[in-house]
Full PDB file with SEQRES, HELIX, SHEET, SSBOND, CRYST1, ORIGX, SCALE, CONECT and MASTER records, all heavy atoms in Angstrom:
SEQRES   1 A   33  ASP LEU PRO ARG GLY ILE THR PRO GLU GLY ILE ALA VAL          
SEQRES   2 A   33  GLY SER GLY THR GLU PHE PHE THR GLY SER LEU SER THR          
SEQRES   3 A   33  GLY ALA ILE TYR SER GLY ASP                                  
SHEET    1 AA1 3 ILE A  11  VAL A  13  0                                        
SHEET    2 AA1 3 PHE A  19  GLY A  22 -1                                        
SHEET    3 AA1 3 ILE A  29  GLY A  32 -1                                        
CRYST1    1.000    1.000    1.000  90.00  90.00  90.00 P 1           1          
ORIGX1      1.000000  0.000000  0.000000        0.00000                         
ORIGX2      0.000000  1.000000  0.000000        0.00000                         
ORIGX3      0.000000  0.000000  1.000000        0.00000                         
SCALE1      1.000000  0.000000  0.000000        0.00000                         
SCALE2      0.000000  1.000000  0.000000        0.00000                         
SCALE3      0.000000  0.000000  1.000000        0.00000                         
ATOM      1  N   ASP A   1      96.102 101.657 111.936  1.00  0.00           N  
ATOM      2  CA  ASP A   1      97.217 100.654 112.045  1.00  0.00           C  
ATOM      3  C   ASP A   1      96.601  99.290 111.805  1.00  0.00           C  
ATOM      4  O   ASP A   1      95.538  98.947 112.204  1.00  0.00           O  
ATOM      5  CB  ASP A   1      97.669 100.722 113.553  1.00  0.00           C  
ATOM      6  CG  ASP A   1      98.426 101.970 113.886  1.00  0.00           C  
ATOM      7  OD1 ASP A   1      99.233 102.415 113.013  1.00  0.00           O  
ATOM      8  OD2 ASP A   1      98.318 102.476 114.997  1.00  0.00           O  
ATOM      9  N   LEU A   2      97.401  98.495 111.024  1.00  0.00           N  
ATOM     10  CA  LEU A   2      97.087  97.121 110.730  1.00  0.00           C  
ATOM     11  C   LEU A   2      97.903  96.178 111.639  1.00  0.00           C  
ATOM     12  O   LEU A   2      98.811  96.622 112.258  1.00  0.00           O  
ATOM     13  CB  LEU A   2      97.447  96.829 109.263  1.00  0.00           C  
ATOM     14  CG  LEU A   2      96.692  97.677 108.206  1.00  0.00           C  
ATOM     15  CD1 LEU A   2      97.188  97.422 106.820  1.00  0.00           C  
ATOM     16  CD2 LEU A   2      95.153  97.466 108.236  1.00  0.00           C  
ATOM     17  N   PRO A   3      97.454  94.922 111.658  1.00  0.00           N  
ATOM     18  CA  PRO A   3      98.217  93.988 112.431  1.00  0.00           C  
ATOM     19  C   PRO A   3      99.723  93.894 112.023  1.00  0.00           C  
ATOM     20  O   PRO A   3     100.071  93.938 110.944  1.00  0.00           O  
ATOM     21  CB  PRO A   3      97.569  92.689 112.256  1.00  0.00           C  
ATOM     22  CG  PRO A   3      96.168  93.009 111.828  1.00  0.00           C  
ATOM     23  CD  PRO A   3      96.304  94.279 111.050  1.00  0.00           C  
ATOM     24  N   ARG A   4     100.669  93.915 112.996  1.00  0.00           N  
ATOM     25  CA  ARG A   4     102.068  93.792 112.787  1.00  0.00           C  
ATOM     26  C   ARG A   4     102.309  92.661 111.888  1.00  0.00           C  
ATOM     27  O   ARG A   4     101.835  91.519 112.224  1.00  0.00           O  
ATOM     28  CB  ARG A   4     102.816  93.779 114.090  1.00  0.00           C  
ATOM     29  CG  ARG A   4     104.345  93.810 113.878  1.00  0.00           C  
ATOM     30  CD  ARG A   4     104.940  93.680 115.243  1.00  0.00           C  
ATOM     31  NE  ARG A   4     104.777  94.826 116.031  1.00  0.00           N  
ATOM     32  CZ  ARG A   4     105.573  95.966 116.167  1.00  0.00           C  
ATOM     33  NH1 ARG A   4     106.653  95.961 115.357  1.00  0.00           N  
ATOM     34  NH2 ARG A   4     105.372  96.968 116.945  1.00  0.00           N  
ATOM     35  N   GLY A   5     103.175  92.824 110.894  1.00  0.00           N  
ATOM     36  CA  GLY A   5     103.580  91.731 110.017  1.00  0.00           C  
ATOM     37  C   GLY A   5     102.570  91.321 108.919  1.00  0.00           C  
ATOM     38  O   GLY A   5     102.861  90.293 108.271  1.00  0.00           O  
ATOM     39  N   ILE A   6     101.513  92.040 108.810  1.00  0.00           N  
ATOM     40  CA  ILE A   6     100.469  91.498 107.818  1.00  0.00           C  
ATOM     41  C   ILE A   6     100.978  91.475 106.390  1.00  0.00           C  
ATOM     42  O   ILE A   6     100.510  90.729 105.621  1.00  0.00           O  
ATOM     43  CB  ILE A   6      99.196  92.325 107.987  1.00  0.00           C  
ATOM     44  CG1 ILE A   6      98.068  91.724 107.027  1.00  0.00           C  
ATOM     45  CG2 ILE A   6      99.418  93.864 107.690  1.00  0.00           C  
ATOM     46  CD1 ILE A   6      96.744  92.482 107.159  1.00  0.00           C  
ATOM     47  N   THR A   7     101.945  92.298 106.028  1.00  0.00           N  
ATOM     48  CA  THR A   7     102.430  92.471 104.663  1.00  0.00           C  
ATOM     49  C   THR A   7     101.349  92.741 103.551  1.00  0.00           C  
ATOM     50  O   THR A   7     101.104  91.929 102.698  1.00  0.00           O  
ATOM     51  CB  THR A   7     103.280  91.291 104.209  1.00  0.00           C  
ATOM     52  OG1 THR A   7     102.456  90.026 104.197  1.00  0.00           O  
ATOM     53  CG2 THR A   7     104.466  91.084 105.093  1.00  0.00           C  
ATOM     54  N   PRO A   8     100.611  93.895 103.674  1.00  0.00           N  
ATOM     55  CA  PRO A   8      99.571  94.153 102.777  1.00  0.00           C  
ATOM     56  C   PRO A   8      99.966  94.694 101.455  1.00  0.00           C  
ATOM     57  O   PRO A   8     101.034  95.210 101.311  1.00  0.00           O  
ATOM     58  CB  PRO A   8      98.701  95.138 103.598  1.00  0.00           C  
ATOM     59  CG  PRO A   8      99.830  95.917 104.323  1.00  0.00           C  
ATOM     60  CD  PRO A   8     100.868  94.929 104.713  1.00  0.00           C  
ATOM     61  N   GLU A   9      99.116  94.647 100.507  1.00  0.00           N  
ATOM     62  CA  GLU A   9      99.348  95.219  99.196  1.00  0.00           C  
ATOM     63  C   GLU A   9      98.040  95.866  98.657  1.00  0.00           C  
ATOM     64  O   GLU A   9      98.069  96.994  98.233  1.00  0.00           O  
ATOM     65  CB  GLU A   9      99.896  94.230  98.238  1.00  0.00           C  
ATOM     66  CG  GLU A   9     100.642  94.867  97.007  1.00  0.00           C  
ATOM     67  CD  GLU A   9      99.820  95.256  95.851  1.00  0.00           C  
ATOM     68  OE1 GLU A   9      98.571  95.053  95.879  1.00  0.00           O  
ATOM     69  OE2 GLU A   9     100.346  95.897  94.944  1.00  0.00           O  
ATOM     70  N   GLY A  10      96.984  95.114  98.604  1.00  0.00           N  
ATOM     71  CA  GLY A  10      95.716  95.597  98.037  1.00  0.00           C  
ATOM     72  C   GLY A  10      94.757  96.142  99.045  1.00  0.00           C  
ATOM     73  O   GLY A  10      94.989  95.908 100.285  1.00  0.00           O  
ATOM     74  N   ILE A  11      93.809  96.956  98.641  1.00  0.00           N  
ATOM     75  CA  ILE A  11      92.776  97.509  99.525  1.00  0.00           C  
ATOM     76  C   ILE A  11      91.515  97.652  98.730  1.00  0.00           C  
ATOM     77  O   ILE A  11      91.542  97.995  97.504  1.00  0.00           O  
ATOM     78  CB  ILE A  11      93.234  98.800 100.205  1.00  0.00           C  
ATOM     79  CG1 ILE A  11      92.202  99.279 101.275  1.00  0.00           C  
ATOM     80  CG2 ILE A  11      93.556  99.927  99.162  1.00  0.00           C  
ATOM     81  CD1 ILE A  11      92.609 100.427 102.092  1.00  0.00           C  
ATOM     82  N   ALA A  12      90.392  97.389  99.343  1.00  0.00           N  
ATOM     83  CA  ALA A  12      89.079  97.614  98.694  1.00  0.00           C  
ATOM     84  C   ALA A  12      88.096  98.038  99.761  1.00  0.00           C  
ATOM     85  O   ALA A  12      88.225  97.676 100.983  1.00  0.00           O  
ATOM     86  CB  ALA A  12      88.594  96.271  98.030  1.00  0.00           C  
ATOM     87  N   VAL A  13      87.171  98.868  99.400  1.00  0.00           N  
ATOM     88  CA  VAL A  13      86.104  99.287 100.297  1.00  0.00           C  
ATOM     89  C   VAL A  13      84.874  98.467  99.978  1.00  0.00           C  
ATOM     90  O   VAL A  13      84.517  98.239  98.846  1.00  0.00           O  
ATOM     91  CB  VAL A  13      85.800 100.827 100.052  1.00  0.00           C  
ATOM     92  CG1 VAL A  13      84.523 101.191 100.807  1.00  0.00           C  
ATOM     93  CG2 VAL A  13      87.014 101.662 100.527  1.00  0.00           C  
ATOM     94  N   GLY A  14      84.228  98.019 101.008  1.00  0.00           N  
ATOM     95  CA  GLY A  14      83.111  97.148 100.951  1.00  0.00           C  
ATOM     96  C   GLY A  14      81.797  97.939 101.240  1.00  0.00           C  
ATOM     97  O   GLY A  14      81.618  99.075 100.857  1.00  0.00           O  
ATOM     98  N   SER A  15      80.910  97.257 101.977  1.00  0.00           N  
ATOM     99  CA  SER A  15      79.641  97.858 102.374  1.00  0.00           C  
ATOM    100  C   SER A  15      79.799  98.803 103.483  1.00  0.00           C  
ATOM    101  O   SER A  15      80.628  98.595 104.472  1.00  0.00           O  
ATOM    102  CB  SER A  15      78.571  96.676 102.753  1.00  0.00           C  
ATOM    103  OG  SER A  15      78.461  95.812 101.778  1.00  0.00           O  
ATOM    104  N   GLY A  16      79.165 100.011 103.378  1.00  0.00           N  
ATOM    105  CA  GLY A  16      79.273 100.960 104.478  1.00  0.00           C  
ATOM    106  C   GLY A  16      80.590 101.399 104.594  1.00  0.00           C  
ATOM    107  O   GLY A  16      81.309 101.843 103.588  1.00  0.00           O  
ATOM    108  N   THR A  17      81.265 101.390 105.849  1.00  0.00           N  
ATOM    109  CA  THR A  17      82.541 101.889 106.048  1.00  0.00           C  
ATOM    110  C   THR A  17      83.486 100.740 106.189  1.00  0.00           C  
ATOM    111  O   THR A  17      84.609 100.881 106.677  1.00  0.00           O  
ATOM    112  CB  THR A  17      82.620 102.673 107.372  1.00  0.00           C  
ATOM    113  OG1 THR A  17      82.109 101.947 108.441  1.00  0.00           O  
ATOM    114  CG2 THR A  17      81.781 103.973 107.287  1.00  0.00           C  
ATOM    115  N   GLU A  18      83.146  99.579 105.612  1.00  0.00           N  
ATOM    116  CA  GLU A  18      84.102  98.405 105.755  1.00  0.00           C  
ATOM    117  C   GLU A  18      85.156  98.481 104.705  1.00  0.00           C  
ATOM    118  O   GLU A  18      84.970  98.926 103.535  1.00  0.00           O  
ATOM    119  CB  GLU A  18      83.161  97.218 105.466  1.00  0.00           C  
ATOM    120  CG  GLU A  18      83.902  95.832 105.508  1.00  0.00           C  
ATOM    121  CD  GLU A  18      82.997  94.701 105.295  1.00  0.00           C  
ATOM    122  OE1 GLU A  18      82.105  94.855 104.365  1.00  0.00           O  
ATOM    123  OE2 GLU A  18      83.143  93.668 105.981  1.00  0.00           O  
ATOM    124  N   PHE A  19      86.414  98.065 105.056  1.00  0.00           N  
ATOM    125  CA  PHE A  19      87.477  97.938 104.130  1.00  0.00           C  
ATOM    126  C   PHE A  19      88.110  96.561 104.222  1.00  0.00           C  
ATOM    127  O   PHE A  19      88.017  95.895 105.319  1.00  0.00           O  
ATOM    128  CB  PHE A  19      88.491  99.057 104.162  1.00  0.00           C  
ATOM    129  CG  PHE A  19      89.424  98.917 105.370  1.00  0.00           C  
ATOM    130  CD1 PHE A  19      90.629  98.255 105.247  1.00  0.00           C  
ATOM    131  CD2 PHE A  19      89.101  99.483 106.590  1.00  0.00           C  
ATOM    132  CE1 PHE A  19      91.571  98.060 106.271  1.00  0.00           C  
ATOM    133  CE2 PHE A  19      90.042  99.284 107.691  1.00  0.00           C  
ATOM    134  CZ  PHE A  19      91.210  98.655 107.485  1.00  0.00           C  
ATOM    135  N   PHE A  20      88.829  96.180 103.187  1.00  0.00           N  
ATOM    136  CA  PHE A  20      89.523  94.854 103.158  1.00  0.00           C  
ATOM    137  C   PHE A  20      91.002  95.160 102.719  1.00  0.00           C  
ATOM    138  O   PHE A  20      91.252  95.959 101.919  1.00  0.00           O  
ATOM    139  CB  PHE A  20      88.846  93.988 102.196  1.00  0.00           C  
ATOM    140  CG  PHE A  20      87.508  93.619 102.450  1.00  0.00           C  
ATOM    141  CD1 PHE A  20      86.461  94.414 101.787  1.00  0.00           C  
ATOM    142  CD2 PHE A  20      87.020  92.658 103.301  1.00  0.00           C  
ATOM    143  CE1 PHE A  20      85.139  94.147 101.985  1.00  0.00           C  
ATOM    144  CE2 PHE A  20      85.706  92.410 103.567  1.00  0.00           C  
ATOM    145  CZ  PHE A  20      84.739  93.152 102.938  1.00  0.00           C  
ATOM    146  N   THR A  21      91.873  94.324 103.325  1.00  0.00           N  
ATOM    147  CA  THR A  21      93.202  94.235 102.777  1.00  0.00           C  
ATOM    148  C   THR A  21      93.662  92.809 103.007  1.00  0.00           C  
ATOM    149  O   THR A  21      92.839  92.041 103.492  1.00  0.00           O  
ATOM    150  CB  THR A  21      94.172  95.251 103.407  1.00  0.00           C  
ATOM    151  OG1 THR A  21      95.470  95.158 102.763  1.00  0.00           O  
ATOM    152  CG2 THR A  21      94.396  94.957 104.893  1.00  0.00           C  
ATOM    153  N   GLY A  22      94.805  92.439 102.557  1.00  0.00           N  
ATOM    154  CA  GLY A  22      95.243  91.073 102.685  1.00  0.00           C  
ATOM    155  C   GLY A  22      96.692  90.961 102.813  1.00  0.00           C  
ATOM    156  O   GLY A  22      97.481  91.893 102.764  1.00  0.00           O  
ATOM    157  N   SER A  23      97.136  89.708 102.958  1.00  0.00           N  
ATOM    158  CA  SER A  23      98.625  89.415 103.275  1.00  0.00           C  
ATOM    159  C   SER A  23      99.333  88.855 101.945  1.00  0.00           C  
ATOM    160  O   SER A  23      98.913  87.823 101.367  1.00  0.00           O  
ATOM    161  CB  SER A  23      98.782  88.480 104.345  1.00  0.00           C  
ATOM    162  OG  SER A  23     100.127  88.078 104.520  1.00  0.00           O  
ATOM    163  N   LEU A  24     100.367  89.578 101.477  1.00  0.00           N  
ATOM    164  CA  LEU A  24     101.122  88.998 100.417  1.00  0.00           C  
ATOM    165  C   LEU A  24     101.736  87.620 100.809  1.00  0.00           C  
ATOM    166  O   LEU A  24     102.009  86.783  99.956  1.00  0.00           O  
ATOM    167  CB  LEU A  24     102.227  90.057  99.985  1.00  0.00           C  
ATOM    168  CG  LEU A  24     101.886  91.167  99.076  1.00  0.00           C  
ATOM    169  CD1 LEU A  24     103.012  92.157  99.081  1.00  0.00           C  
ATOM    170  CD2 LEU A  24     101.489  90.700  97.729  1.00  0.00           C  
ATOM    171  N   SER A  25     102.164  87.558 102.022  1.00  0.00           N  
ATOM    172  CA  SER A  25     102.925  86.395 102.448  1.00  0.00           C  
ATOM    173  C   SER A  25     102.077  85.201 102.863  1.00  0.00           C  
ATOM    174  O   SER A  25     102.546  83.980 102.739  1.00  0.00           O  
ATOM    175  CB  SER A  25     103.837  86.750 103.642  1.00  0.00           C  
ATOM    176  OG  SER A  25     103.135  87.235 104.704  1.00  0.00           O  
ATOM    177  N   THR A  26     100.741  85.425 103.229  1.00  0.00           N  
ATOM    178  CA  THR A  26      99.929  84.213 103.675  1.00  0.00           C  
ATOM    179  C   THR A  26      98.666  84.114 102.926  1.00  0.00           C  
ATOM    180  O   THR A  26      98.049  83.118 102.881  1.00  0.00           O  
ATOM    181  CB  THR A  26      99.611  84.362 105.170  1.00  0.00           C  
ATOM    182  OG1 THR A  26      98.702  85.472 105.309  1.00  0.00           O  
ATOM    183  CG2 THR A  26     100.905  84.613 106.007  1.00  0.00           C  
ATOM    184  N   GLY A  27      98.191  85.188 102.240  1.00  0.00           N  
ATOM    185  CA  GLY A  27      96.937  85.195 101.628  1.00  0.00           C  
ATOM    186  C   GLY A  27      95.760  85.498 102.415  1.00  0.00           C  
ATOM    187  O   GLY A  27      94.602  85.592 102.000  1.00  0.00           O  
ATOM    188  N   ALA A  28      95.962  85.700 103.773  1.00  0.00           N  
ATOM    189  CA  ALA A  28      94.840  85.956 104.653  1.00  0.00           C  
ATOM    190  C   ALA A  28      94.140  87.289 104.363  1.00  0.00           C  
ATOM    191  O   ALA A  28      94.812  88.223 103.873  1.00  0.00           O  
ATOM    192  CB  ALA A  28      95.364  85.984 106.072  1.00  0.00           C  
ATOM    193  N   ILE A  29      92.827  87.307 104.566  1.00  0.00           N  
ATOM    194  CA  ILE A  29      92.125  88.544 104.269  1.00  0.00           C  
ATOM    195  C   ILE A  29      91.698  89.123 105.621  1.00  0.00           C  
ATOM    196  O   ILE A  29      91.234  88.463 106.505  1.00  0.00           O  
ATOM    197  CB  ILE A  29      90.793  88.178 103.466  1.00  0.00           C  
ATOM    198  CG1 ILE A  29      91.160  87.554 102.140  1.00  0.00           C  
ATOM    199  CG2 ILE A  29      89.924  89.454 103.279  1.00  0.00           C  
ATOM    200  CD1 ILE A  29      92.061  88.349 101.273  1.00  0.00           C  
ATOM    201  N   TYR A  30      91.924  90.527 105.683  1.00  0.00           N  
ATOM    202  CA  TYR A  30      91.605  91.266 106.879  1.00  0.00           C  
ATOM    203  C   TYR A  30      90.465  92.245 106.516  1.00  0.00           C  
ATOM    204  O   TYR A  30      90.567  92.935 105.488  1.00  0.00           O  
ATOM    205  CB  TYR A  30      92.863  91.989 107.324  1.00  0.00           C  
ATOM    206  CG  TYR A  30      92.683  92.827 108.515  1.00  0.00           C  
ATOM    207  CD1 TYR A  30      92.966  92.355 109.776  1.00  0.00           C  
ATOM    208  CD2 TYR A  30      92.435  94.240 108.378  1.00  0.00           C  
ATOM    209  CE1 TYR A  30      92.840  93.098 110.884  1.00  0.00           C  
ATOM    210  CE2 TYR A  30      92.330  95.030 109.564  1.00  0.00           C  
ATOM    211  CZ  TYR A  30      92.536  94.467 110.748  1.00  0.00           C  
ATOM    212  OH  TYR A  30      92.446  95.249 111.914  1.00  0.00           O  
ATOM    213  N   SER A  31      89.568  92.396 107.483  1.00  0.00           N  
ATOM    214  CA  SER A  31      88.527  93.315 107.272  1.00  0.00           C  
ATOM    215  C   SER A  31      88.528  94.321 108.499  1.00  0.00           C  
ATOM    216  O   SER A  31      88.627  94.050 109.593  1.00  0.00           O  
ATOM    217  CB  SER A  31      87.116  92.558 107.359  1.00  0.00           C  
ATOM    218  OG  SER A  31      86.015  93.515 107.318  1.00  0.00           O  
ATOM    219  N   GLY A  32      88.365  95.555 108.118  1.00  0.00           N  
ATOM    220  CA  GLY A  32      88.391  96.627 109.146  1.00  0.00           C  
ATOM    221  C   GLY A  32      87.295  97.726 108.872  1.00  0.00           C  
ATOM    222  O   GLY A  32      86.576  97.645 107.815  1.00  0.00           O  
ATOM    223  N   ASP A  33      87.269  98.694 109.699  1.00  0.00           N  
ATOM    224  CA  ASP A  33      86.219  99.735 109.663  1.00  0.00           C  
ATOM    225  C   ASP A  33      86.986 101.076 109.513  1.00  0.00           C  
ATOM    226  O   ASP A  33      87.778 101.469 110.343  1.00  0.00           O  
ATOM    227  CB  ASP A  33      85.410  99.715 110.888  1.00  0.00           C  
ATOM    228  CG  ASP A  33      84.134 100.614 110.773  1.00  0.00           C  
ATOM    229  OD1 ASP A  33      84.329 101.867 110.597  1.00  0.00           O  
ATOM    230  OD2 ASP A  33      83.064 100.136 110.822  1.00  0.00           O  
TER     231      ASP A  33                                                      
MASTER        0    0    0    0    3    0    0    6  230    1    0    3          
END                                                                             
């Protein structure tokens, strides 16, 4: 589950089990495991 209202579109896997997504509406970057 992602934060409510994040409006994501992209996803990328980083180092280890890290992943990234972001917000279409604000541009904020979110990092998760």
